[in-house]
Amino acid sequence: MTKAMTIPQDQPLNTLTVGDLQMIVTEVVRKVVREEVERDYHVNEDGLKVFYEEEDIAPRYLAELQQHYEDIKSGKMKTVPGEIVLQELQDLGIEL
């Protein structure tokens, strides 16, 4: 394992070597991987939270999902097709 590198915050970028940049990138990637492994979920390509283990799902979150399901079933809440949501976002000038 390589030794952690400390570079002064006020050091100009043009004084860094390729080796320095490789070390910085390596440290950042390791930090991100460690944080991802420590979490009990990941965010998939659709932006949805996916739990690694079913037991990791908070009971409050499950109760919230159940309540939404019951509201939809009873007619208190309605679902909207994704195409409509996408069109409304595009109408607002949000490009996806």
PDB file of N, CA and C in Angstrom:
ATOM      1  N   MET A   1       0.849  -1.178   0.000  1.00  0.00           N
ATOM      2  CA  MET A   1       0.000   0.000   0.000  1.00  0.00           C
ATOM      3  C   MET A   1       0.886   1.229   0.000  1.00  0.00           C
ATOM      4  N   THR A   2       0.512   2.219  -0.771  1.00  0.00           N
ATOM      5  CA  THR A   2       1.319   3.425  -0.865  1.00  0.00           C
ATOM      6  C   THR A   2       1.042   4.352   0.306  1.00  0.00           C
ATOM      7  N   LYS A   3       2.033   5.161   0.593  1.00  0.00           N
ATOM      8  CA  LYS A   3       1.916   6.110   1.689  1.00  0.00           C
ATOM      9  C   LYS A   3       1.029   7.282   1.252  1.00  0.00           C
ATOM     10  N   ALA A   4       0.170   7.751   2.162  1.00  0.00           N
ATOM     11  CA  ALA A   4      -0.699   8.892   1.860  1.00  0.00           C
ATOM     12  C   ALA A   4       0.158  10.109   1.548  1.00  0.00           C
ATOM     13  N   MET A   5      -0.250  10.839   0.560  1.00  0.00           N
ATOM     14  CA  MET A   5       0.516  11.981   0.101  1.00  0.00           C
ATOM     15  C   MET A   5      -0.150  13.266   0.570  1.00  0.00           C
ATOM     16  N   THR A   6       0.643  14.188   1.072  1.00  0.00           N
ATOM     17  CA  THR A   6       0.095  15.485   1.452  1.00  0.00           C
ATOM     18  C   THR A   6       0.740  16.548   0.593  1.00  0.00           C
ATOM     19  N   ILE A   7      -0.094  17.282  -0.091  1.00  0.00           N
ATOM     20  CA  ILE A   7       0.370  18.367  -0.951  1.00  0.00           C
ATOM     21  C   ILE A   7      -0.244  19.646  -0.414  1.00  0.00           C
ATOM     22  N   PRO A   8       0.561  20.673  -0.235  1.00  0.00           N
ATOM     23  CA  PRO A   8       0.018  21.931   0.286  1.00  0.00           C
ATOM     24  C   PRO A   8      -1.100  22.470  -0.612  1.00  0.00           C
ATOM     25  N   GLN A   9      -2.138  23.001   0.019  1.00  0.00           N
ATOM     26  CA  GLN A   9      -3.300  23.527  -0.723  1.00  0.00           C
ATOM     27  C   GLN A   9      -2.911  24.675  -1.655  1.00  0.00           C
ATOM     28  N   ASP A  10      -1.857  25.411  -1.313  1.00  0.00           N
ATOM     29  CA  ASP A  10      -1.484  26.578  -2.117  1.00  0.00           C
ATOM     30  C   ASP A  10      -0.427  26.260  -3.170  1.00  0.00           C
ATOM     31  N   GLN A  11      -0.107  24.967  -3.341  1.00  0.00           N
ATOM     32  CA  GLN A  11       0.883  24.589  -4.348  1.00  0.00           C
ATOM     33  C   GLN A  11       0.252  24.691  -5.732  1.00  0.00           C
ATOM     34  N   PRO A  12       0.905  25.375  -6.669  1.00  0.00           N
ATOM     35  CA  PRO A  12       0.353  25.487  -8.028  1.00  0.00           C
ATOM     36  C   PRO A  12       0.271  24.118  -8.705  1.00  0.00           C
ATOM     37  N   LEU A  13      -0.788  23.918  -9.468  1.00  0.00           N
ATOM     38  CA  LEU A  13      -0.974  22.640 -10.153  1.00  0.00           C
ATOM     39  C   LEU A  13       0.146  22.348 -11.142  1.00  0.00           C
ATOM     40  N   ASN A  14       0.702  23.386 -11.757  1.00  0.00           N
ATOM     41  CA  ASN A  14       1.726  23.144 -12.775  1.00  0.00           C
ATOM     42  C   ASN A  14       3.041  22.647 -12.187  1.00  0.00           C
ATOM     43  N   THR A  15       3.161  22.590 -10.854  1.00  0.00           N
ATOM     44  CA  THR A  15       4.370  22.051 -10.238  1.00  0.00           C
ATOM     45  C   THR A  15       4.219  20.586  -9.855  1.00  0.00           C
ATOM     46  N   LEU A  16       3.029  20.012 -10.047  1.00  0.00           N
ATOM     47  CA  LEU A  16       2.817  18.605  -9.732  1.00  0.00           C
ATOM     48  C   LEU A  16       3.377  17.730 -10.843  1.00  0.00           C
ATOM     49  N   THR A  17       3.911  16.595 -10.455  1.00  0.00           N
ATOM     50  CA  THR A  17       4.403  15.643 -11.446  1.00  0.00           C
ATOM     51  C   THR A  17       3.281  14.669 -11.800  1.00  0.00           C
ATOM     52  N   VAL A  18       3.510  13.894 -12.841  1.00  0.00           N
ATOM     53  CA  VAL A  18       2.547  12.860 -13.216  1.00  0.00           C
ATOM     54  C   VAL A  18       2.394  11.874 -12.063  1.00  0.00           C
ATOM     55  N   GLY A  19       3.489  11.558 -11.412  1.00  0.00           N
ATOM     56  CA  GLY A  19       3.437  10.657 -10.263  1.00  0.00           C
ATOM     57  C   GLY A  19       2.585  11.221  -9.139  1.00  0.00           C
ATOM     58  N   ASP A  20       2.707  12.549  -8.894  1.00  0.00           N
ATOM     59  CA  ASP A  20       1.881  13.201  -7.869  1.00  0.00           C
ATOM     60  C   ASP A  20       0.399  13.063  -8.212  1.00  0.00           C
ATOM     61  N   LEU A  21       0.060  13.318  -9.468  1.00  0.00           N
ATOM     62  CA  LEU A  21      -1.340  13.223  -9.897  1.00  0.00           C
ATOM     63  C   LEU A  21      -1.861  11.790  -9.778  1.00  0.00           C
ATOM     64  N   GLN A  22      -1.027  10.823 -10.123  1.00  0.00           N
ATOM     65  CA  GLN A  22      -1.435   9.422  -9.989  1.00  0.00           C
ATOM     66  C   GLN A  22      -1.704   9.078  -8.529  1.00  0.00           C
ATOM     67  N   MET A  23      -0.848   9.565  -7.640  1.00  0.00           N
ATOM     68  CA  MET A  23      -1.042   9.308  -6.210  1.00  0.00           C
ATOM     69  C   MET A  23      -2.339   9.952  -5.721  1.00  0.00           C
ATOM     70  N   ILE A  24      -2.619  11.170  -6.162  1.00  0.00           N
ATOM     71  CA  ILE A  24      -3.838  11.872  -5.745  1.00  0.00           C
ATOM     72  C   ILE A  24      -5.063  11.103  -6.222  1.00  0.00           C
ATOM     73  N   VAL A  25      -5.066  10.708  -7.487  1.00  0.00           N
ATOM     74  CA  VAL A  25      -6.201   9.973  -8.041  1.00  0.00           C
ATOM     75  C   VAL A  25      -6.380   8.648  -7.311  1.00  0.00           C
ATOM     76  N   THR A  26      -5.291   7.959  -7.030  1.00  0.00           N
ATOM     77  CA  THR A  26      -5.365   6.682  -6.305  1.00  0.00           C
ATOM     78  C   THR A  26      -5.991   6.874  -4.933  1.00  0.00           C
ATOM     79  N   GLU A  27      -5.583   7.908  -4.217  1.00  0.00           N
ATOM     80  CA  GLU A  27      -6.136   8.176  -2.888  1.00  0.00           C
ATOM     81  C   GLU A  27      -7.633   8.478  -2.959  1.00  0.00           C
ATOM     82  N   VAL A  28      -8.037   9.263  -3.948  1.00  0.00           N
ATOM     83  CA  VAL A  28      -9.448   9.619  -4.086  1.00  0.00           C
ATOM     84  C   VAL A  28     -10.276   8.380  -4.402  1.00  0.00           C
ATOM     85  N   VAL A  29      -9.809   7.548  -5.310  1.00  0.00           N
ATOM     86  CA  VAL A  29     -10.538   6.334  -5.682  1.00  0.00           C
ATOM     87  C   VAL A  29     -10.664   5.406  -4.476  1.00  0.00           C
ATOM     88  N   ARG A  30      -9.589   5.245  -3.724  1.00  0.00           N
ATOM     89  CA  ARG A  30      -9.651   4.381  -2.534  1.00  0.00           C
ATOM     90  C   ARG A  30     -10.660   4.920  -1.524  1.00  0.00           C
ATOM     91  N   LYS A  31     -10.679   6.227  -1.350  1.00  0.00           N
ATOM     92  CA  LYS A  31     -11.624   6.830  -0.398  1.00  0.00           C
ATOM     93  C   LYS A  31     -13.063   6.570  -0.842  1.00  0.00           C
ATOM     94  N   VAL A  32     -13.338   6.757  -2.124  1.00  0.00           N
ATOM     95  CA  VAL A  32     -14.692   6.536  -2.641  1.00  0.00           C
ATOM     96  C   VAL A  32     -15.093   5.079  -2.487  1.00  0.00           C
ATOM     97  N   VAL A  33     -14.190   4.159  -2.800  1.00  0.00           N
ATOM     98  CA  VAL A  33     -14.497   2.736  -2.678  1.00  0.00           C
ATOM     99  C   VAL A  33     -14.774   2.384  -1.222  1.00  0.00           C
ATOM    100  N   ARG A  34     -13.953   2.898  -0.296  1.00  0.00           N
ATOM    101  CA  ARG A  34     -14.180   2.623   1.129  1.00  0.00           C
ATOM    102  C   ARG A  34     -15.552   3.119   1.565  1.00  0.00           C
ATOM    103  N   GLU A  35     -15.924   4.330   1.155  1.00  0.00           N
ATOM    104  CA  GLU A  35     -17.224   4.877   1.535  1.00  0.00           C
ATOM    105  C   GLU A  35     -18.357   4.059   0.947  1.00  0.00           C
ATOM    106  N   GLU A  36     -18.201   3.593  -0.285  1.00  0.00           N
ATOM    107  CA  GLU A  36     -19.247   2.800  -0.932  1.00  0.00           C
ATOM    108  C   GLU A  36     -19.417   1.462  -0.222  1.00  0.00           C
ATOM    109  N   VAL A  37     -18.332   0.854   0.183  1.00  0.00           N
ATOM    110  CA  VAL A  37     -18.392  -0.442   0.843  1.00  0.00           C
ATOM    111  C   VAL A  37     -19.006  -0.308   2.232  1.00  0.00           C
ATOM    112  N   GLU A  38     -18.751   0.810   2.909  1.00  0.00           N
ATOM    113  CA  GLU A  38     -19.269   1.003   4.255  1.00  0.00           C
ATOM    114  C   GLU A  38     -20.771   1.266   4.267  1.00  0.00           C
ATOM    115  N   ARG A  39     -21.313   1.796   3.191  1.00  0.00           N
ATOM    116  CA  ARG A  39     -22.748   2.057   3.170  1.00  0.00           C
ATOM    117  C   ARG A  39     -23.517   0.763   2.996  1.00  0.00           C
ATOM    118  N   ASP A  40     -24.768   0.774   3.415  1.00  0.00           N
ATOM    119  CA  ASP A  40     -25.589  -0.426   3.282  1.00  0.00           C
ATOM    120  C   ASP A  40     -26.431  -0.399   2.011  1.00  0.00           C
ATOM    121  N   TYR A  41     -26.155   0.555   1.127  1.00  0.00           N
ATOM    122  CA  TYR A  41     -26.888   0.650  -0.131  1.00  0.00           C
ATOM    123  C   TYR A  41     -26.003   1.288  -1.191  1.00  0.00           C
ATOM    124  N   HIS A  42     -26.454   1.204  -2.432  1.00  0.00           N
ATOM    125  CA  HIS A  42     -25.817   1.943  -3.509  1.00  0.00           C
ATOM    126  C   HIS A  42     -26.919   2.561  -4.354  1.00  0.00           C
ATOM    127  N   VAL A  43     -26.562   3.523  -5.146  1.00  0.00           N
ATOM    128  CA  VAL A  43     -27.526   4.181  -6.032  1.00  0.00           C
ATOM    129  C   VAL A  43     -27.280   3.623  -7.426  1.00  0.00           C
ATOM    130  N   ASN A  44     -28.327   3.038  -8.023  1.00  0.00           N
ATOM    131  CA  ASN A  44     -28.155   2.417  -9.336  1.00  0.00           C
ATOM    132  C   ASN A  44     -28.170   3.459 -10.444  1.00  0.00           C
ATOM    133  N   GLU A  45     -28.049   2.991 -11.690  1.00  0.00           N
ATOM    134  CA  GLU A  45     -27.959   3.905 -12.839  1.00  0.00           C
ATOM    135  C   GLU A  45     -29.228   4.719 -13.051  1.00  0.00           C
ATOM    136  N   ASP A  46     -30.345   4.282 -12.465  1.00  0.00           N
ATOM    137  CA  ASP A  46     -31.600   5.031 -12.567  1.00  0.00           C
ATOM    138  C   ASP A  46     -31.784   6.010 -11.408  1.00  0.00           C
ATOM    139  N   GLY A  47     -30.781   6.074 -10.525  1.00  0.00           N
ATOM    140  CA  GLY A  47     -30.866   6.979  -9.393  1.00  0.00           C
ATOM    141  C   GLY A  47     -31.671   6.435  -8.228  1.00  0.00           C
ATOM    142  N   LEU A  48     -31.937   5.129  -8.231  1.00  0.00           N
ATOM    143  CA  LEU A  48     -32.720   4.519  -7.162  1.00  0.00           C
ATOM    144  C   LEU A  48     -31.800   3.924  -6.100  1.00  0.00           C
ATOM    145  N   LYS A  49     -32.187   4.074  -4.842  1.00  0.00           N
ATOM    146  CA  LYS A  49     -31.423   3.507  -3.739  1.00  0.00           C
ATOM    147  C   LYS A  49     -31.689   2.002  -3.691  1.00  0.00           C
ATOM    148  N   VAL A  50     -30.618   1.209  -3.763  1.00  0.00           N
ATOM    149  CA  VAL A  50     -30.726  -0.244  -3.737  1.00  0.00           C
ATOM    150  C   VAL A  50     -29.957  -0.739  -2.515  1.00  0.00           C
ATOM    151  N   PHE A  51     -30.656  -1.415  -1.616  1.00  0.00           N
ATOM    152  CA  PHE A  51     -30.038  -1.921  -0.407  1.00  0.00           C
ATOM    153  C   PHE A  51     -29.325  -3.235  -0.698  1.00  0.00           C
ATOM    154  N   TYR A  52     -28.165  -3.439  -0.066  1.00  0.00           N
ATOM    155  CA  TYR A  52     -27.416  -4.680  -0.253  1.00  0.00           C
ATOM    156  C   TYR A  52     -28.129  -5.846   0.417  1.00  0.00           C
ATOM    157  N   GLU A  53     -28.697  -5.613   1.563  1.00  0.00           N
ATOM    158  CA  GLU A  53     -29.390  -6.660   2.311  1.00  0.00           C
ATOM    159  C   GLU A  53     -30.790  -6.170   2.655  1.00  0.00           C
ATOM    160  N   GLU A  54     -31.760  -7.048   2.537  1.00  0.00           N
ATOM    161  CA  GLU A  54     -33.137  -6.662   2.848  1.00  0.00           C
ATOM    162  C   GLU A  54     -33.252  -6.164   4.283  1.00  0.00           C
ATOM    163  N   GLU A  55     -32.443  -6.732   5.184  1.00  0.00           N
ATOM    164  CA  GLU A  55     -32.511  -6.349   6.591  1.00  0.00           C
ATOM    165  C   GLU A  55     -32.042  -4.915   6.815  1.00  0.00           C
ATOM    166  N   ASP A  56     -31.285  -4.370   5.853  1.00  0.00           N
ATOM    167  CA  ASP A  56     -30.756  -3.012   5.991  1.00  0.00           C
ATOM    168  C   ASP A  56     -31.819  -1.942   5.740  1.00  0.00           C
ATOM    169  N   ILE A  57     -32.967  -2.338   5.230  1.00  0.00           N
ATOM    170  CA  ILE A  57     -34.007  -1.370   4.933  1.00  0.00           C
ATOM    171  C   ILE A  57     -34.652  -0.927   6.240  1.00  0.00           C
ATOM    172  N   ALA A  58     -34.671   0.372   6.460  1.00  0.00           N
ATOM    173  CA  ALA A  58     -35.220   0.907   7.709  1.00  0.00           C
ATOM    174  C   ALA A  58     -36.715   0.632   7.778  1.00  0.00           C
ATOM    175  N   PRO A  59     -37.210   0.206   8.935  1.00  0.00           N
ATOM    176  CA  PRO A  59     -38.640  -0.058   9.088  1.00  0.00           C
ATOM    177  C   PRO A  59     -39.500   1.164   8.752  1.00  0.00           C
ATOM    178  N   ARG A  60     -38.990   2.351   9.075  1.00  0.00           N
ATOM    179  CA  ARG A  60     -39.732   3.585   8.768  1.00  0.00           C
ATOM    180  C   ARG A  60     -39.912   3.744   7.253  1.00  0.00           C
ATOM    181  N   TYR A  61     -38.855   3.410   6.493  1.00  0.00           N
ATOM    182  CA  TYR A  61     -38.924   3.501   5.041  1.00  0.00           C
ATOM    183  C   TYR A  61     -39.932   2.496   4.487  1.00  0.00           C
ATOM    184  N   LEU A  62     -39.916   1.281   5.023  1.00  0.00           N
ATOM    185  CA  LEU A  62     -40.883   0.266   4.588  1.00  0.00           C
ATOM    186  C   LEU A  62     -42.314   0.697   4.903  1.00  0.00           C
ATOM    187  N   ALA A  63     -42.515   1.309   6.076  1.00  0.00           N
ATOM    188  CA  ALA A  63     -43.847   1.782   6.457  1.00  0.00           C
ATOM    189  C   ALA A  63     -44.295   2.895   5.512  1.00  0.00           C
ATOM    190  N   GLU A  64     -43.357   3.742   5.130  1.00  0.00           N
ATOM    191  CA  GLU A  64     -43.670   4.830   4.192  1.00  0.00           C
ATOM    192  C   GLU A  64     -44.089   4.261   2.835  1.00  0.00           C
ATOM    193  N   LEU A  65     -43.346   3.265   2.347  1.00  0.00           N
ATOM    194  CA  LEU A  65     -43.711   2.624   1.078  1.00  0.00           C
ATOM    195  C   LEU A  65     -45.078   1.966   1.158  1.00  0.00           C
ATOM    196  N   GLN A  66     -45.340   1.303   2.270  1.00  0.00           N
ATOM    197  CA  GLN A  66     -46.633   0.646   2.462  1.00  0.00           C
ATOM    198  C   GLN A  66     -47.762   1.672   2.450  1.00  0.00           C
ATOM    199  N   GLN A  67     -47.537   2.814   3.102  1.00  0.00           N
ATOM    200  CA  GLN A  67     -48.551   3.861   3.142  1.00  0.00           C
ATOM    201  C   GLN A  67     -48.822   4.411   1.744  1.00  0.00           C
ATOM    202  N   HIS A  68     -47.755   4.612   0.966  1.00  0.00           N
ATOM    203  CA  HIS A  68     -47.937   5.078  -0.415  1.00  0.00           C
ATOM    204  C   HIS A  68     -48.746   4.059  -1.222  1.00  0.00           C
ATOM    205  N   TYR A  69     -48.420   2.791  -1.044  1.00  0.00           N
ATOM    206  CA  TYR A  69     -49.133   1.730  -1.758  1.00  0.00           C
ATOM    207  C   TYR A  69     -50.621   1.756  -1.408  1.00  0.00           C
ATOM    208  N   GLU A  70     -50.907   1.882  -0.118  1.00  0.00           N
ATOM    209  CA  GLU A  70     -52.310   1.900   0.312  1.00  0.00           C
ATOM    210  C   GLU A  70     -53.028   3.151  -0.197  1.00  0.00           C
ATOM    211  N   ASP A  71     -52.348   4.291  -0.215  1.00  0.00           N
ATOM    212  CA  ASP A  71     -52.944   5.522  -0.731  1.00  0.00           C
ATOM    213  C   ASP A  71     -53.242   5.408  -2.223  1.00  0.00           C
ATOM    214  N   ILE A  72     -52.354   4.771  -2.964  1.00  0.00           N
ATOM    215  CA  ILE A  72     -52.577   4.585  -4.402  1.00  0.00           C
ATOM    216  C   ILE A  72     -53.751   3.632  -4.613  1.00  0.00           C
ATOM    217  N   LYS A  73     -53.754   2.548  -3.869  1.00  0.00           N
ATOM    218  CA  LYS A  73     -54.807   1.543  -3.997  1.00  0.00           C
ATOM    219  C   LYS A  73     -56.184   2.129  -3.664  1.00  0.00           C
ATOM    220  N   SER A  74     -56.242   3.005  -2.639  1.00  0.00           N
ATOM    221  CA  SER A  74     -57.522   3.573  -2.219  1.00  0.00           C
ATOM    222  C   SER A  74     -57.949   4.769  -3.076  1.00  0.00           C
ATOM    223  N   GLY A  75     -57.047   5.267  -3.918  1.00  0.00           N
ATOM    224  CA  GLY A  75     -57.390   6.405  -4.771  1.00  0.00           C
ATOM    225  C   GLY A  75     -57.009   7.755  -4.182  1.00  0.00           C
ATOM    226  N   LYS A  76     -56.438   7.784  -2.992  1.00  0.00           N
ATOM    227  CA  LYS A  76     -56.006   9.050  -2.386  1.00  0.00           C
ATOM    228  C   LYS A  76     -54.798   9.632  -3.124  1.00  0.00           C
ATOM    229  N   MET A  77     -54.041   8.778  -3.746  1.00  0.00           N
ATOM    230  CA  MET A  77     -52.834   9.194  -4.464  1.00  0.00           C
ATOM    231  C   MET A  77     -52.874   8.535  -5.831  1.00  0.00           C
ATOM    232  N   LYS A  78     -52.407   9.234  -6.837  1.00  0.00           N
ATOM    233  CA  LYS A  78     -52.406   8.678  -8.184  1.00  0.00           C
ATOM    234  C   LYS A  78     -50.989   8.585  -8.710  1.00  0.00           C
ATOM    235  N   THR A  79     -50.767   7.619  -9.564  1.00  0.00           N
ATOM    236  CA  THR A  79     -49.464   7.487 -10.210  1.00  0.00           C
ATOM    237  C   THR A  79     -49.504   8.236 -11.533  1.00  0.00           C
ATOM    238  N   VAL A  80     -48.342   8.636 -11.972  1.00  0.00           N
ATOM    239  CA  VAL A  80     -48.220   9.372 -13.229  1.00  0.00           C
ATOM    240  C   VAL A  80     -47.176   8.637 -14.072  1.00  0.00           C
ATOM    241  N   PRO A  81     -47.475   8.383 -15.340  1.00  0.00           N
ATOM    242  CA  PRO A  81     -46.492   7.727 -16.206  1.00  0.00           C
ATOM    243  C   PRO A  81     -45.204   8.545 -16.288  1.00  0.00           C
ATOM    244  N   GLY A  82     -44.082   7.851 -16.368  1.00  0.00           N
ATOM    245  CA  GLY A  82     -42.782   8.502 -16.433  1.00  0.00           C
ATOM    246  C   GLY A  82     -42.647   9.449 -17.610  1.00  0.00           C
ATOM    247  N   GLU A  83     -43.309   9.125 -18.720  1.00  0.00           N
ATOM    248  CA  GLU A  83     -43.222   9.980 -19.906  1.00  0.00           C
ATOM    249  C   GLU A  83     -43.800  11.367 -19.632  1.00  0.00           C
ATOM    250  N   ILE A  84     -44.864  11.411 -18.846  1.00  0.00           N
ATOM    251  CA  ILE A  84     -45.490  12.692 -18.513  1.00  0.00           C
ATOM    252  C   ILE A  84     -44.562  13.510 -17.621  1.00  0.00           C
ATOM    253  N   VAL A  85     -43.965  12.853 -16.631  1.00  0.00           N
ATOM    254  CA  VAL A  85     -43.031  13.551 -15.747  1.00  0.00           C
ATOM    255  C   VAL A  85     -41.851  14.074 -16.553  1.00  0.00           C
ATOM    256  N   LEU A  86     -41.309  13.251 -17.434  1.00  0.00           N
ATOM    257  CA  LEU A  86     -40.189  13.663 -18.269  1.00  0.00           C
ATOM    258  C   LEU A  86     -40.561  14.865 -19.119  1.00  0.00           C
ATOM    259  N   GLN A  87     -41.746  14.846 -19.734  1.00  0.00           N
ATOM    260  CA  GLN A  87     -42.183  15.958 -20.569  1.00  0.00           C
ATOM    261  C   GLN A  87     -42.343  17.228 -19.748  1.00  0.00           C
ATOM    262  N   GLU A  88     -42.902  17.103 -18.544  1.00  0.00           N
ATOM    263  CA  GLU A  88     -43.071  18.285 -17.680  1.00  0.00           C
ATOM    264  C   GLU A  88     -41.727  18.871 -17.282  1.00  0.00           C
ATOM    265  N   LEU A  89     -40.768  18.022 -16.992  1.00  0.00           N
ATOM    266  CA  LEU A  89     -39.423  18.502 -16.654  1.00  0.00           C
ATOM    267  C   LEU A  89     -38.786  19.202 -17.838  1.00  0.00           C
ATOM    268  N   GLN A  90     -38.950  18.625 -19.033  1.00  0.00           N
ATOM    269  CA  GLN A  90     -38.399  19.244 -20.245  1.00  0.00           C
ATOM    270  C   GLN A  90     -39.082  20.573 -20.524  1.00  0.00           C
ATOM    271  N   ASP A  91     -40.396  20.653 -20.264  1.00  0.00           N
ATOM    272  CA  ASP A  91     -41.127  21.905 -20.448  1.00  0.00           C
ATOM    273  C   ASP A  91     -40.598  22.999 -19.520  1.00  0.00           C
ATOM    274  N   LEU A  92     -40.084  22.560 -18.354  1.00  0.00           N
ATOM    275  CA  LEU A  92     -39.504  23.514 -17.405  1.00  0.00           C
ATOM    276  C   LEU A  92     -38.063  23.887 -17.773  1.00  0.00           C
ATOM    277  N   GLY A  93     -37.564  23.278 -18.835  1.00  0.00           N
ATOM    278  CA  GLY A  93     -36.202  23.585 -19.284  1.00  0.00           C
ATOM    279  C   GLY A  93     -35.137  22.699 -18.677  1.00  0.00           C
ATOM    280  N   ILE A  94     -35.558  21.608 -18.044  1.00  0.00           N
ATOM    281  CA  ILE A  94     -34.604  20.680 -17.445  1.00  0.00           C
ATOM    282  C   ILE A  94     -34.342  19.578 -18.447  1.00  0.00           C
ATOM    283  N   GLU A  95     -33.112  19.498 -18.919  1.00  0.00           N
ATOM    284  CA  GLU A  95     -32.753  18.475 -19.909  1.00  0.00           C
ATOM    285  C   GLU A  95     -32.261  17.233 -19.205  1.00  0.00           C
ATOM    286  N   LEU A  96     -32.835  16.097 -19.535  1.00  0.00           N
ATOM    287  CA  LEU A  96     -32.422  14.819 -18.948  1.00  0.00           C
ATOM    288  C   LEU A  96     -31.939  13.887 -20.031  1.00  0.00           C
TER     289      LEU A  96
END
